Amino acid sequence: MSDLLLDNVAWIGGLAAALVAAGIVLFVWSWRQVDRSWQEVRRRWSAVDAALKERGSLIPGLVEITRYRLVDERDSLEVLGRLRARSIGGRTREEKAKAEAELEATLTRILGLGAADAGLGGSSEFESARETLEALSSNIREASSAYNRAALRYNRMIERFPGSMVAAMSSVLPAEYFGDAHDAGPERREAATDTAMAQ
């Protein structure tokens, strides 16, 4: 009888040890997956941030090139400078995204007016600035979309088991999205709808 009891205790002890070991392996594997996903989010944000800074550095030059020809647009040119400062000074991605959306709209308007102006439209200096800024705007949209997709993957990972276990045990926070909910595609729109319904 005591041998049977000892065998059962040994078997239960071995099973418990195996479960603990499996739990540790699962936690370590999950931690690595979450960390890898977070590093991808950071890498994607660096690309967005670099493109935003590059475009921001070109705006004073555009203002200088256009200010004498677009006299009626001085207010818009001043707004462009203020929006640039707001974007640079934005503490959160949401603040930056709002400033950048306004900056993009104002910049597109200024570039359109400049292209239509007889004196600026033919200027190689203006055309070079316009082409560079339009290319950077396109790069920003692509980088933002890639960032939002990476943020969505990361956020989903920490919402679902086993990533949720890692998030709960290590106080991991979700990644902020940048810009419009449509940037990450239908998955982000679906996630945004799910979040709104839960509230």
N, C-alpha and C. Protein backbone atom coordinates (compact mmCIF):
# COMPACT_ATOMS: atom_id res chain seq x y z
N MET A 1 0.82 -1.20 0.00
CA MET A 1 0.00 0.00 0.00
C MET A 1 0.86 1.26 0.00
N SER A 2 1.89 1.29 0.86
CA SER A 2 2.76 2.46 0.94
C SER A 2 3.57 2.60 -0.34
N ASP A 3 3.94 1.46 -0.98
CA ASP A 3 4.65 1.54 -2.26
C ASP A 3 3.77 2.18 -3.33
N LEU A 4 2.50 1.83 -3.34
CA LEU A 4 1.56 2.39 -4.31
C LEU A 4 1.39 3.89 -4.07
N LEU A 5 1.31 4.26 -2.79
CA LEU A 5 1.18 5.67 -2.43
C LEU A 5 2.41 6.44 -2.85
N LEU A 6 3.60 5.86 -2.60
CA LEU A 6 4.84 6.50 -3.00
C LEU A 6 4.93 6.64 -4.52
N ASP A 7 4.49 5.60 -5.25
CA ASP A 7 4.49 5.66 -6.71
C ASP A 7 3.56 6.77 -7.20
N ASN A 8 2.38 6.88 -6.56
CA ASN A 8 1.43 7.94 -6.96
C ASN A 8 1.99 9.33 -6.66
N VAL A 9 2.61 9.47 -5.49
CA VAL A 9 3.21 10.76 -5.11
C VAL A 9 4.33 11.10 -6.09
N ALA A 10 5.17 10.12 -6.42
CA ALA A 10 6.26 10.35 -7.36
C ALA A 10 5.72 10.72 -8.74
N TRP A 11 4.66 10.02 -9.14
CA TRP A 11 4.07 10.30 -10.46
C TRP A 11 3.46 11.71 -10.49
N ILE A 12 2.75 12.09 -9.43
CA ILE A 12 2.15 13.42 -9.34
C ILE A 12 3.23 14.49 -9.26
N GLY A 13 4.28 14.20 -8.49
CA GLY A 13 5.41 15.14 -8.39
C GLY A 13 6.09 15.32 -9.73
N GLY A 14 6.29 14.25 -10.48
CA GLY A 14 6.90 14.33 -11.80
C GLY A 14 6.03 15.11 -12.77
N LEU A 15 4.72 14.87 -12.70
CA LEU A 15 3.78 15.60 -13.56
C LEU A 15 3.78 17.08 -13.23
N ALA A 16 3.80 17.39 -11.94
CA ALA A 16 3.83 18.79 -11.51
C ALA A 16 5.11 19.47 -11.99
N ALA A 17 6.25 18.79 -11.86
CA ALA A 17 7.52 19.34 -12.32
C ALA A 17 7.50 19.57 -13.83
N ALA A 18 6.92 18.61 -14.57
CA ALA A 18 6.83 18.75 -16.03
C ALA A 18 5.94 19.92 -16.41
N LEU A 19 4.83 20.12 -15.67
CA LEU A 19 3.93 21.25 -15.96
C LEU A 19 4.61 22.58 -15.66
N VAL A 20 5.36 22.64 -14.55
CA VAL A 20 6.09 23.87 -14.21
C VAL A 20 7.13 24.17 -15.28
N ALA A 21 7.87 23.14 -15.70
CA ALA A 21 8.88 23.32 -16.74
C ALA A 21 8.23 23.78 -18.04
N ALA A 22 7.10 23.19 -18.40
CA ALA A 22 6.39 23.58 -19.62
C ALA A 22 5.91 25.02 -19.51
N GLY A 23 5.44 25.41 -18.33
CA GLY A 23 4.98 26.79 -18.11
C GLY A 23 6.12 27.78 -18.27
N ILE A 24 7.29 27.42 -17.75
CA ILE A 24 8.46 28.29 -17.87
C ILE A 24 8.88 28.42 -19.32
N VAL A 25 8.92 27.31 -20.03
CA VAL A 25 9.29 27.32 -21.46
C VAL A 25 8.29 28.18 -22.24
N LEU A 26 7.00 28.01 -21.96
CA LEU A 26 5.96 28.79 -22.65
C LEU A 26 6.12 30.28 -22.36
N PHE A 27 6.39 30.63 -21.09
CA PHE A 27 6.57 32.03 -20.73
C PHE A 27 7.77 32.63 -21.45
N VAL A 28 8.90 31.92 -21.44
CA VAL A 28 10.12 32.43 -22.10
C VAL A 28 9.88 32.58 -23.59
N TRP A 29 9.26 31.59 -24.22
CA TRP A 29 8.96 31.66 -25.65
C TRP A 29 8.04 32.85 -25.94
N SER A 30 7.00 33.03 -25.11
CA SER A 30 6.05 34.13 -25.31
C SER A 30 6.74 35.47 -25.12
N TRP A 31 7.59 35.55 -24.09
CA TRP A 31 8.32 36.80 -23.84
C TRP A 31 9.16 37.17 -25.06
N ARG A 32 9.83 36.20 -25.63
CA ARG A 32 10.66 36.48 -26.82
C ARG A 32 9.81 36.93 -27.99
N GLN A 33 8.64 36.32 -28.18
CA GLN A 33 7.74 36.71 -29.27
C GLN A 33 7.25 38.15 -29.07
N VAL A 34 6.85 38.47 -27.84
CA VAL A 34 6.37 39.82 -27.54
C VAL A 34 7.50 40.82 -27.73
N ASP A 35 8.69 40.50 -27.23
CA ASP A 35 9.84 41.39 -27.37
C ASP A 35 10.21 41.60 -28.84
N ARG A 36 10.22 40.53 -29.61
CA ARG A 36 10.53 40.64 -31.04
C ARG A 36 9.50 41.54 -31.74
N SER A 37 8.23 41.37 -31.40
CA SER A 37 7.18 42.19 -32.00
C SER A 37 7.34 43.66 -31.58
N TRP A 38 7.69 43.89 -30.30
CA TRP A 38 7.89 45.26 -29.83
C TRP A 38 9.08 45.92 -30.54
N GLN A 39 10.15 45.16 -30.76
CA GLN A 39 11.30 45.70 -31.47
C GLN A 39 10.93 46.09 -32.91
N GLU A 40 10.05 45.31 -33.53
CA GLU A 40 9.56 45.64 -34.88
C GLU A 40 8.75 46.94 -34.84
N VAL A 41 7.92 47.11 -33.83
CA VAL A 41 7.16 48.36 -33.68
C VAL A 41 8.12 49.53 -33.55
N ARG A 42 9.14 49.40 -32.73
CA ARG A 42 10.12 50.48 -32.54
C ARG A 42 10.88 50.78 -33.84
N ARG A 43 11.26 49.73 -34.56
CA ARG A 43 11.98 49.92 -35.82
C ARG A 43 11.11 50.65 -36.84
N ARG A 44 9.84 50.26 -36.91
CA ARG A 44 8.91 50.91 -37.85
C ARG A 44 8.66 52.36 -37.46
N TRP A 45 8.57 52.63 -36.14
CA TRP A 45 8.37 54.02 -35.72
C TRP A 45 9.59 54.86 -36.05
N SER A 46 10.77 54.31 -35.92
CA SER A 46 11.99 55.06 -36.27
C SER A 46 11.95 55.52 -37.72
N ALA A 47 11.45 54.66 -38.61
CA ALA A 47 11.35 55.03 -40.03
C ALA A 47 10.36 56.17 -40.22
N VAL A 48 9.23 56.13 -39.51
CA VAL A 48 8.24 57.21 -39.61
C VAL A 48 8.85 58.50 -39.08
N ASP A 49 9.45 58.42 -37.90
CA ASP A 49 10.02 59.60 -37.25
C ASP A 49 11.11 60.25 -38.11
N ALA A 50 11.96 59.43 -38.71
CA ALA A 50 13.03 59.96 -39.57
C ALA A 50 12.45 60.70 -40.77
N ALA A 51 11.41 60.12 -41.40
CA ALA A 51 10.78 60.76 -42.56
C ALA A 51 10.09 62.06 -42.15
N LEU A 52 9.43 62.07 -40.98
CA LEU A 52 8.77 63.29 -40.50
C LEU A 52 9.80 64.39 -40.25
N LYS A 53 10.91 64.02 -39.63
CA LYS A 53 11.95 65.01 -39.35
C LYS A 53 12.57 65.55 -40.64
N GLU A 54 12.78 64.65 -41.61
CA GLU A 54 13.35 65.10 -42.87
C GLU A 54 12.42 66.08 -43.57
N ARG A 55 11.11 65.73 -43.62
CA ARG A 55 10.17 66.65 -44.25
C ARG A 55 10.10 67.96 -43.49
N GLY A 56 10.08 67.88 -42.16
CA GLY A 56 10.03 69.10 -41.35
C GLY A 56 11.22 70.01 -41.59
N SER A 57 12.39 69.41 -41.83
CA SER A 57 13.59 70.23 -42.07
C SER A 57 13.54 70.96 -43.41
N LEU A 58 12.70 70.49 -44.34
CA LEU A 58 12.60 71.12 -45.66
C LEU A 58 11.54 72.22 -45.72
N ILE A 59 10.67 72.29 -44.73
CA ILE A 59 9.57 73.26 -44.78
C ILE A 59 10.06 74.71 -44.72
N PRO A 60 11.03 75.06 -43.88
CA PRO A 60 11.49 76.45 -43.90
C PRO A 60 12.02 76.87 -45.28
N GLY A 61 12.67 75.96 -45.97
CA GLY A 61 13.16 76.25 -47.33
C GLY A 61 12.02 76.50 -48.30
N LEU A 62 10.95 75.71 -48.19
CA LEU A 62 9.78 75.90 -49.05
C LEU A 62 9.13 77.25 -48.76
N VAL A 63 9.02 77.60 -47.49
CA VAL A 63 8.44 78.89 -47.13
C VAL A 63 9.27 80.01 -47.73
N GLU A 64 10.58 79.89 -47.65
CA GLU A 64 11.48 80.92 -48.19
C GLU A 64 11.33 81.05 -49.71
N ILE A 65 11.22 79.92 -50.40
CA ILE A 65 11.10 79.92 -51.87
C ILE A 65 9.78 80.55 -52.31
N THR A 66 8.70 80.27 -51.57
CA THR A 66 7.37 80.67 -52.02
C THR A 66 6.86 81.99 -51.45
N ARG A 67 7.44 82.51 -50.42
CA ARG A 67 6.83 83.64 -49.71
C ARG A 67 6.70 84.90 -50.55
N TYR A 68 7.60 85.14 -51.50
CA TYR A 68 7.50 86.35 -52.31
C TYR A 68 6.48 86.22 -53.44
N ARG A 69 6.28 84.99 -53.91
CA ARG A 69 5.33 84.78 -55.01
C ARG A 69 3.91 84.55 -54.50
N LEU A 70 3.78 83.88 -53.37
CA LEU A 70 2.45 83.56 -52.83
C LEU A 70 2.10 84.54 -51.71
N VAL A 71 2.08 85.82 -52.04
CA VAL A 71 1.85 86.87 -51.05
C VAL A 71 0.49 86.68 -50.36
N ASP A 72 -0.52 86.27 -51.12
CA ASP A 72 -1.86 86.09 -50.54
C ASP A 72 -1.92 84.89 -49.59
N GLU A 73 -0.90 84.07 -49.60
CA GLU A 73 -0.88 82.85 -48.78
C GLU A 73 0.05 82.96 -47.58
N ARG A 74 0.39 84.18 -47.20
CA ARG A 74 1.31 84.33 -46.05
C ARG A 74 0.78 83.67 -44.79
N ASP A 75 -0.54 83.78 -44.57
CA ASP A 75 -1.13 83.13 -43.39
C ASP A 75 -0.92 81.62 -43.45
N SER A 76 -1.14 81.03 -44.63
CA SER A 76 -0.95 79.58 -44.78
C SER A 76 0.50 79.19 -44.57
N LEU A 77 1.40 80.04 -45.05
CA LEU A 77 2.83 79.75 -44.88
C LEU A 77 3.22 79.82 -43.40
N GLU A 78 2.64 80.78 -42.68
CA GLU A 78 2.90 80.87 -41.24
C GLU A 78 2.30 79.66 -40.51
N VAL A 79 1.10 79.25 -40.93
CA VAL A 79 0.46 78.07 -40.34
C VAL A 79 1.34 76.84 -40.55
N LEU A 80 1.92 76.73 -41.74
CA LEU A 80 2.81 75.61 -42.06
C LEU A 80 3.95 75.54 -41.05
N GLY A 81 4.55 76.69 -40.75
CA GLY A 81 5.63 76.74 -39.76
C GLY A 81 5.17 76.34 -38.37
N ARG A 82 3.97 76.81 -37.98
CA ARG A 82 3.44 76.46 -36.65
C ARG A 82 3.11 74.97 -36.56
N LEU A 83 2.55 74.43 -37.64
CA LEU A 83 2.22 73.00 -37.64
C LEU A 83 3.49 72.15 -37.54
N ARG A 84 4.53 72.59 -38.23
CA ARG A 84 5.82 71.89 -38.15
C ARG A 84 6.31 71.87 -36.70
N ALA A 85 6.23 73.03 -36.03
CA ALA A 85 6.66 73.12 -34.63
C ALA A 85 5.78 72.23 -33.74
N ARG A 86 4.47 72.21 -34.01
CA ARG A 86 3.56 71.37 -33.22
C ARG A 86 3.87 69.89 -33.39
N SER A 87 4.20 69.51 -34.60
CA SER A 87 4.55 68.10 -34.85
C SER A 87 5.83 67.72 -34.12
N ILE A 88 6.83 68.58 -34.23
CA ILE A 88 8.12 68.31 -33.57
C ILE A 88 7.93 68.26 -32.06
N GLY A 89 7.08 69.15 -31.52
CA GLY A 89 6.87 69.23 -30.08
C GLY A 89 5.84 68.24 -29.54
N GLY A 90 5.17 67.50 -30.43
CA GLY A 90 4.14 66.56 -29.99
C GLY A 90 4.71 65.50 -29.07
N ARG A 91 4.06 65.31 -27.92
CA ARG A 91 4.55 64.33 -26.95
C ARG A 91 4.03 62.93 -27.23
N THR A 92 2.87 62.84 -27.82
CA THR A 92 2.30 61.53 -28.10
C THR A 92 2.18 61.35 -29.61
N ARG A 93 2.01 60.12 -30.03
CA ARG A 93 1.82 59.86 -31.45
C ARG A 93 0.53 60.50 -31.94
N GLU A 94 -0.48 60.55 -31.07
CA GLU A 94 -1.75 61.16 -31.45
C GLU A 94 -1.58 62.65 -31.74
N GLU A 95 -0.83 63.36 -30.87
CA GLU A 95 -0.57 64.78 -31.09
C GLU A 95 0.19 65.00 -32.39
N LYS A 96 1.21 64.17 -32.60
CA LYS A 96 2.00 64.27 -33.83
C LYS A 96 1.13 63.99 -35.06
N ALA A 97 0.29 62.97 -34.96
CA ALA A 97 -0.57 62.58 -36.09
C ALA A 97 -1.53 63.70 -36.47
N LYS A 98 -2.12 64.36 -35.47
CA LYS A 98 -3.04 65.47 -35.75
C LYS A 98 -2.31 66.62 -36.44
N ALA A 99 -1.15 66.97 -35.89
CA ALA A 99 -0.37 68.06 -36.49
C ALA A 99 0.08 67.69 -37.91
N GLU A 100 0.50 66.45 -38.09
CA GLU A 100 0.97 66.02 -39.41
C GLU A 100 -0.15 65.97 -40.44
N ALA A 101 -1.36 65.60 -40.02
CA ALA A 101 -2.50 65.58 -40.96
C ALA A 101 -2.80 66.99 -41.44
N GLU A 102 -2.79 67.96 -40.51
CA GLU A 102 -3.03 69.36 -40.89
C GLU A 102 -1.88 69.88 -41.75
N LEU A 103 -0.66 69.52 -41.37
CA LEU A 103 0.51 69.95 -42.12
C LEU A 103 0.46 69.41 -43.55
N GLU A 104 0.09 68.15 -43.69
CA GLU A 104 0.00 67.51 -45.02
C GLU A 104 -1.02 68.24 -45.89
N ALA A 105 -2.19 68.55 -45.32
CA ALA A 105 -3.23 69.24 -46.10
C ALA A 105 -2.76 70.64 -46.52
N THR A 106 -2.15 71.37 -45.60
CA THR A 106 -1.66 72.72 -45.91
C THR A 106 -0.53 72.66 -46.92
N LEU A 107 0.36 71.73 -46.74
CA LEU A 107 1.50 71.56 -47.65
C LEU A 107 1.01 71.22 -49.07
N THR A 108 0.05 70.32 -49.18
CA THR A 108 -0.49 69.96 -50.49
C THR A 108 -1.11 71.17 -51.18
N ARG A 109 -1.81 71.98 -50.39
CA ARG A 109 -2.42 73.20 -50.93
C ARG A 109 -1.36 74.18 -51.42
N ILE A 110 -0.34 74.41 -50.61
CA ILE A 110 0.74 75.34 -50.97
C ILE A 110 1.48 74.85 -52.21
N LEU A 111 1.77 73.56 -52.27
CA LEU A 111 2.48 73.01 -53.43
C LEU A 111 1.63 73.14 -54.70
N GLY A 112 0.32 72.94 -54.57
CA GLY A 112 -0.58 73.10 -55.71
C GLY A 112 -0.62 74.53 -56.19
N LEU A 113 -0.71 75.47 -55.26
CA LEU A 113 -0.73 76.89 -55.63
C LEU A 113 0.61 77.30 -56.26
N GLY A 114 1.69 76.79 -55.70
CA GLY A 114 3.01 77.11 -56.24
C GLY A 114 3.19 76.58 -57.65
N ALA A 115 2.70 75.37 -57.91
CA ALA A 115 2.81 74.77 -59.25
C ALA A 115 1.98 75.56 -60.25
N ALA A 116 0.85 76.11 -59.80
CA ALA A 116 -0.02 76.88 -60.70
C ALA A 116 0.51 78.29 -60.94
N ASP A 117 1.35 78.79 -60.07
CA ASP A 117 1.91 80.14 -60.21
C ASP A 117 2.95 80.14 -61.33
N ALA A 118 2.80 81.08 -62.25
CA ALA A 118 3.69 81.13 -63.42
C ALA A 118 5.15 81.31 -63.02
N GLY A 119 5.39 82.13 -62.01
CA GLY A 119 6.77 82.38 -61.60
C GLY A 119 7.41 81.22 -60.85
N LEU A 120 6.60 80.51 -60.06
CA LEU A 120 7.15 79.39 -59.27
C LEU A 120 7.14 78.08 -60.04
N GLY A 121 6.05 77.85 -60.80
CA GLY A 121 5.88 76.57 -61.50
C GLY A 121 7.05 76.21 -62.38
N GLY A 122 7.71 77.20 -62.97
CA GLY A 122 8.85 76.92 -63.85
C GLY A 122 10.19 76.98 -63.14
N SER A 123 10.18 77.36 -61.89
CA SER A 123 11.42 77.49 -61.13
C SER A 123 11.99 76.13 -60.77
N SER A 124 13.25 75.91 -61.11
CA SER A 124 13.86 74.61 -60.80
C SER A 124 13.99 74.42 -59.29
N GLU A 125 14.19 75.52 -58.57
CA GLU A 125 14.32 75.44 -57.11
C GLU A 125 12.99 74.97 -56.49
N PHE A 126 11.87 75.56 -56.94
CA PHE A 126 10.56 75.17 -56.43
C PHE A 126 10.24 73.73 -56.86
N GLU A 127 10.47 73.41 -58.11
CA GLU A 127 10.15 72.06 -58.61
C GLU A 127 10.93 70.99 -57.85
N SER A 128 12.19 71.28 -57.57
CA SER A 128 13.01 70.33 -56.81
C SER A 128 12.45 70.14 -55.40
N ALA A 129 12.09 71.27 -54.75
CA ALA A 129 11.51 71.19 -53.41
C ALA A 129 10.18 70.45 -53.44
N ARG A 130 9.35 70.73 -54.44
CA ARG A 130 8.03 70.08 -54.56
C ARG A 130 8.19 68.58 -54.74
N GLU A 131 9.07 68.16 -55.64
CA GLU A 131 9.28 66.73 -55.88
C GLU A 131 9.79 66.02 -54.63
N THR A 132 10.73 66.65 -53.95
CA THR A 132 11.29 66.05 -52.73
C THR A 132 10.21 65.92 -51.65
N LEU A 133 9.43 66.99 -51.45
CA LEU A 133 8.39 66.97 -50.42
C LEU A 133 7.28 65.98 -50.76
N GLU A 134 6.90 65.89 -52.02
CA GLU A 134 5.87 64.92 -52.41
C GLU A 134 6.36 63.49 -52.21
N ALA A 135 7.64 63.25 -52.55
CA ALA A 135 8.21 61.91 -52.34
C ALA A 135 8.26 61.57 -50.85
N LEU A 136 8.62 62.55 -50.03
CA LEU A 136 8.67 62.33 -48.58
C LEU A 136 7.27 62.09 -48.02
N SER A 137 6.28 62.80 -48.53
CA SER A 137 4.90 62.58 -48.07
C SER A 137 4.45 61.16 -48.38
N SER A 138 4.82 60.69 -49.56
CA SER A 138 4.50 59.31 -49.94
C SER A 138 5.22 58.31 -49.02
N ASN A 139 6.49 58.59 -48.74
CA ASN A 139 7.26 57.72 -47.83
C ASN A 139 6.65 57.70 -46.43
N ILE A 140 6.17 58.87 -45.98
CA ILE A 140 5.56 58.96 -44.65
C ILE A 140 4.29 58.12 -44.60
N ARG A 141 3.48 58.20 -45.65
CA ARG A 141 2.24 57.39 -45.68
C ARG A 141 2.57 55.90 -45.64
N GLU A 142 3.56 55.48 -46.44
CA GLU A 142 3.95 54.06 -46.46
C GLU A 142 4.53 53.62 -45.12
N ALA A 143 5.41 54.44 -44.56
CA ALA A 143 6.03 54.10 -43.27
C ALA A 143 4.99 54.08 -42.15
N SER A 144 4.04 55.01 -42.19
CA SER A 144 2.97 55.04 -41.17
C SER A 144 2.10 53.80 -41.25
N SER A 145 1.79 53.41 -42.47
CA SER A 145 0.97 52.21 -42.66
C SER A 145 1.70 50.97 -42.14
N ALA A 146 3.00 50.87 -42.45
CA ALA A 146 3.80 49.73 -41.97
C ALA A 146 3.89 49.76 -40.45
N TYR A 147 4.06 50.95 -39.87
CA TYR A 147 4.11 51.07 -38.42
C TYR A 147 2.78 50.62 -37.79
N ASN A 148 1.67 51.10 -38.34
CA ASN A 148 0.36 50.74 -37.78
C ASN A 148 0.08 49.25 -37.87
N ARG A 149 0.53 48.62 -38.95
CA ARG A 149 0.37 47.16 -39.06
C ARG A 149 1.20 46.45 -37.99
N ALA A 150 2.42 46.91 -37.77
CA ALA A 150 3.28 46.31 -36.73
C ALA A 150 2.66 46.54 -35.34
N ALA A 151 2.11 47.73 -35.10
CA ALA A 151 1.47 48.03 -33.81
C ALA A 151 0.24 47.15 -33.62
N LEU A 152 -0.51 46.94 -34.68
CA LEU A 152 -1.69 46.08 -34.60
C LEU A 152 -1.31 44.64 -34.26
N ARG A 153 -0.27 44.11 -34.93
CA ARG A 153 0.19 42.75 -34.64
C ARG A 153 0.64 42.63 -33.18
N TYR A 154 1.40 43.61 -32.73
CA TYR A 154 1.88 43.61 -31.35
C TYR A 154 0.72 43.69 -30.36
N ASN A 155 -0.22 44.61 -30.60
CA ASN A 155 -1.36 44.77 -29.69
C ASN A 155 -2.21 43.50 -29.63
N ARG A 156 -2.39 42.88 -30.77
CA ARG A 156 -3.16 41.62 -30.78
C ARG A 156 -2.40 40.53 -30.02
N MET A 157 -1.08 40.53 -30.17
CA MET A 157 -0.28 39.52 -29.49
C MET A 157 -0.41 39.63 -27.98
N ILE A 158 -0.40 40.87 -27.45
CA ILE A 158 -0.46 41.01 -25.99
C ILE A 158 -1.89 40.93 -25.46
N GLU A 159 -2.88 40.89 -26.36
CA GLU A 159 -4.27 40.72 -25.93
C GLU A 159 -4.67 39.25 -25.84
N ARG A 160 -3.92 38.39 -26.52
CA ARG A 160 -4.29 36.97 -26.60
C ARG A 160 -3.27 36.11 -25.85
N PHE A 161 -3.75 34.99 -25.34
CA PHE A 161 -2.86 34.04 -24.66
C PHE A 161 -1.93 33.40 -25.70
N PRO A 162 -0.66 33.23 -25.41
CA PRO A 162 0.05 33.43 -24.14
C PRO A 162 0.66 34.82 -23.97
N GLY A 163 0.56 35.68 -25.02
CA GLY A 163 1.10 37.03 -24.91
C GLY A 163 0.46 37.84 -23.80
N SER A 164 -0.83 37.60 -23.55
CA SER A 164 -1.53 38.32 -22.49
C SER A 164 -0.94 37.98 -21.12
N MET A 165 -0.44 36.75 -20.98
CA MET A 165 0.20 36.33 -19.73
C MET A 165 1.48 37.15 -19.51
N VAL A 166 2.26 37.30 -20.57
CA VAL A 166 3.49 38.10 -20.48
C VAL A 166 3.15 39.55 -20.17
N ALA A 167 2.14 40.08 -20.87
CA ALA A 167 1.74 41.48 -20.66
C ALA A 167 1.30 41.72 -19.22
N ALA A 168 0.52 40.80 -18.68
CA ALA A 168 0.02 40.95 -17.30
C ALA A 168 1.15 40.87 -16.28
N MET A 169 2.11 40.00 -16.52
CA MET A 169 3.19 39.79 -15.55
C MET A 169 4.29 40.85 -15.65
N SER A 170 4.35 41.56 -16.79
CA SER A 170 5.46 42.51 -16.95
C SER A 170 4.99 43.93 -17.23
N SER A 171 3.72 44.22 -17.01
CA SER A 171 3.16 45.57 -17.20
C SER A 171 3.43 46.13 -18.59
N VAL A 172 3.32 45.30 -19.59
CA VAL A 172 3.50 45.73 -20.98
C VAL A 172 2.28 46.53 -21.40
N LEU A 173 2.51 47.65 -22.09
CA LEU A 173 1.43 48.50 -22.56
C LEU A 173 1.23 48.32 -24.06
N PRO A 174 0.02 48.58 -24.57
CA PRO A 174 -0.19 48.48 -26.01
C PRO A 174 0.52 49.61 -26.74
N ALA A 175 0.81 49.39 -28.01
CA ALA A 175 1.44 50.41 -28.85
C ALA A 175 0.38 51.39 -29.32
N GLU A 176 0.74 52.68 -29.40
CA GLU A 176 -0.16 53.70 -29.94
C GLU A 176 -0.15 53.62 -31.45
N TYR A 177 -1.29 53.85 -32.05
CA TYR A 177 -1.36 53.93 -33.51
C TYR A 177 -1.00 55.35 -33.94
N PHE A 178 -0.64 55.49 -35.21
CA PHE A 178 -0.29 56.80 -35.74
C PHE A 178 -1.21 57.14 -36.90
N GLY A 179 -1.98 58.18 -36.73
CA GLY A 179 -2.84 58.63 -37.83
C GLY A 179 -4.15 57.89 -37.90
N ASP A 180 -4.65 57.80 -39.11
CA ASP A 180 -5.97 57.27 -39.39
C ASP A 180 -6.06 55.77 -39.13
N ALA A 181 -7.21 55.34 -38.65
CA ALA A 181 -7.44 53.90 -38.39
C ALA A 181 -7.36 53.07 -39.65
N HIS A 182 -7.50 53.69 -40.80
CA HIS A 182 -7.47 52.95 -42.06
C HIS A 182 -6.05 52.57 -42.50
N ASP A 183 -5.03 53.17 -41.84
CA ASP A 183 -3.65 52.90 -42.24
C ASP A 183 -3.24 51.45 -42.09
N ALA A 184 -3.78 50.74 -41.12
CA ALA A 184 -3.36 49.36 -40.87
C ALA A 184 -4.23 48.36 -41.62
N GLY A 185 -5.18 48.86 -42.39
CA GLY A 185 -6.01 47.97 -43.18
C GLY A 185 -7.24 47.53 -42.41
N PRO A 186 -7.98 46.57 -42.98
CA PRO A 186 -9.24 46.14 -42.39
C PRO A 186 -9.09 45.56 -40.98
N GLU A 187 -7.94 44.97 -40.67
CA GLU A 187 -7.76 44.38 -39.34
C GLU A 187 -7.82 45.45 -38.26
N ARG A 188 -7.22 46.62 -38.52
CA ARG A 188 -7.23 47.69 -37.52
C ARG A 188 -8.63 48.28 -37.40
N ARG A 189 -9.32 48.44 -38.50
CA ARG A 189 -10.69 48.96 -38.44
C ARG A 189 -11.55 48.02 -37.61
N GLU A 190 -11.36 46.73 -37.80
CA GLU A 190 -12.12 45.73 -37.05
C GLU A 190 -11.77 45.82 -35.56
N ALA A 191 -10.48 45.94 -35.26
CA ALA A 191 -10.04 46.05 -33.87
C ALA A 191 -10.58 47.33 -33.24
N ALA A 192 -10.58 48.44 -34.01
CA ALA A 192 -11.11 49.70 -33.48
C ALA A 192 -12.59 49.60 -33.20
N THR A 193 -13.32 48.91 -34.06
CA THR A 193 -14.76 48.71 -33.87
C THR A 193 -15.01 47.84 -32.63
N ASP A 194 -14.22 46.77 -32.47
CA ASP A 194 -14.35 45.89 -31.29
C ASP A 194 -14.12 46.67 -30.01
N THR A 195 -13.09 47.55 -30.02
CA THR A 195 -12.77 48.34 -28.83
C THR A 195 -13.91 49.31 -28.51
N ALA A 196 -14.44 49.97 -29.56
CA ALA A 196 -15.53 50.93 -29.35
C ALA A 196 -16.77 50.23 -28.80
N MET A 197 -17.05 49.03 -29.26
CA MET A 197 -18.23 48.29 -28.79
C MET A 197 -18.06 47.84 -27.34
N ALA A 198 -16.82 47.55 -26.96
CA ALA A 198 -16.56 47.09 -25.60
C ALA A 198 -16.73 48.22 -24.58
N GLN A 199 -16.59 49.48 -25.04
CA GLN A 199 -16.68 50.62 -24.12
C GLN A 199 -18.06 51.05 -23.89
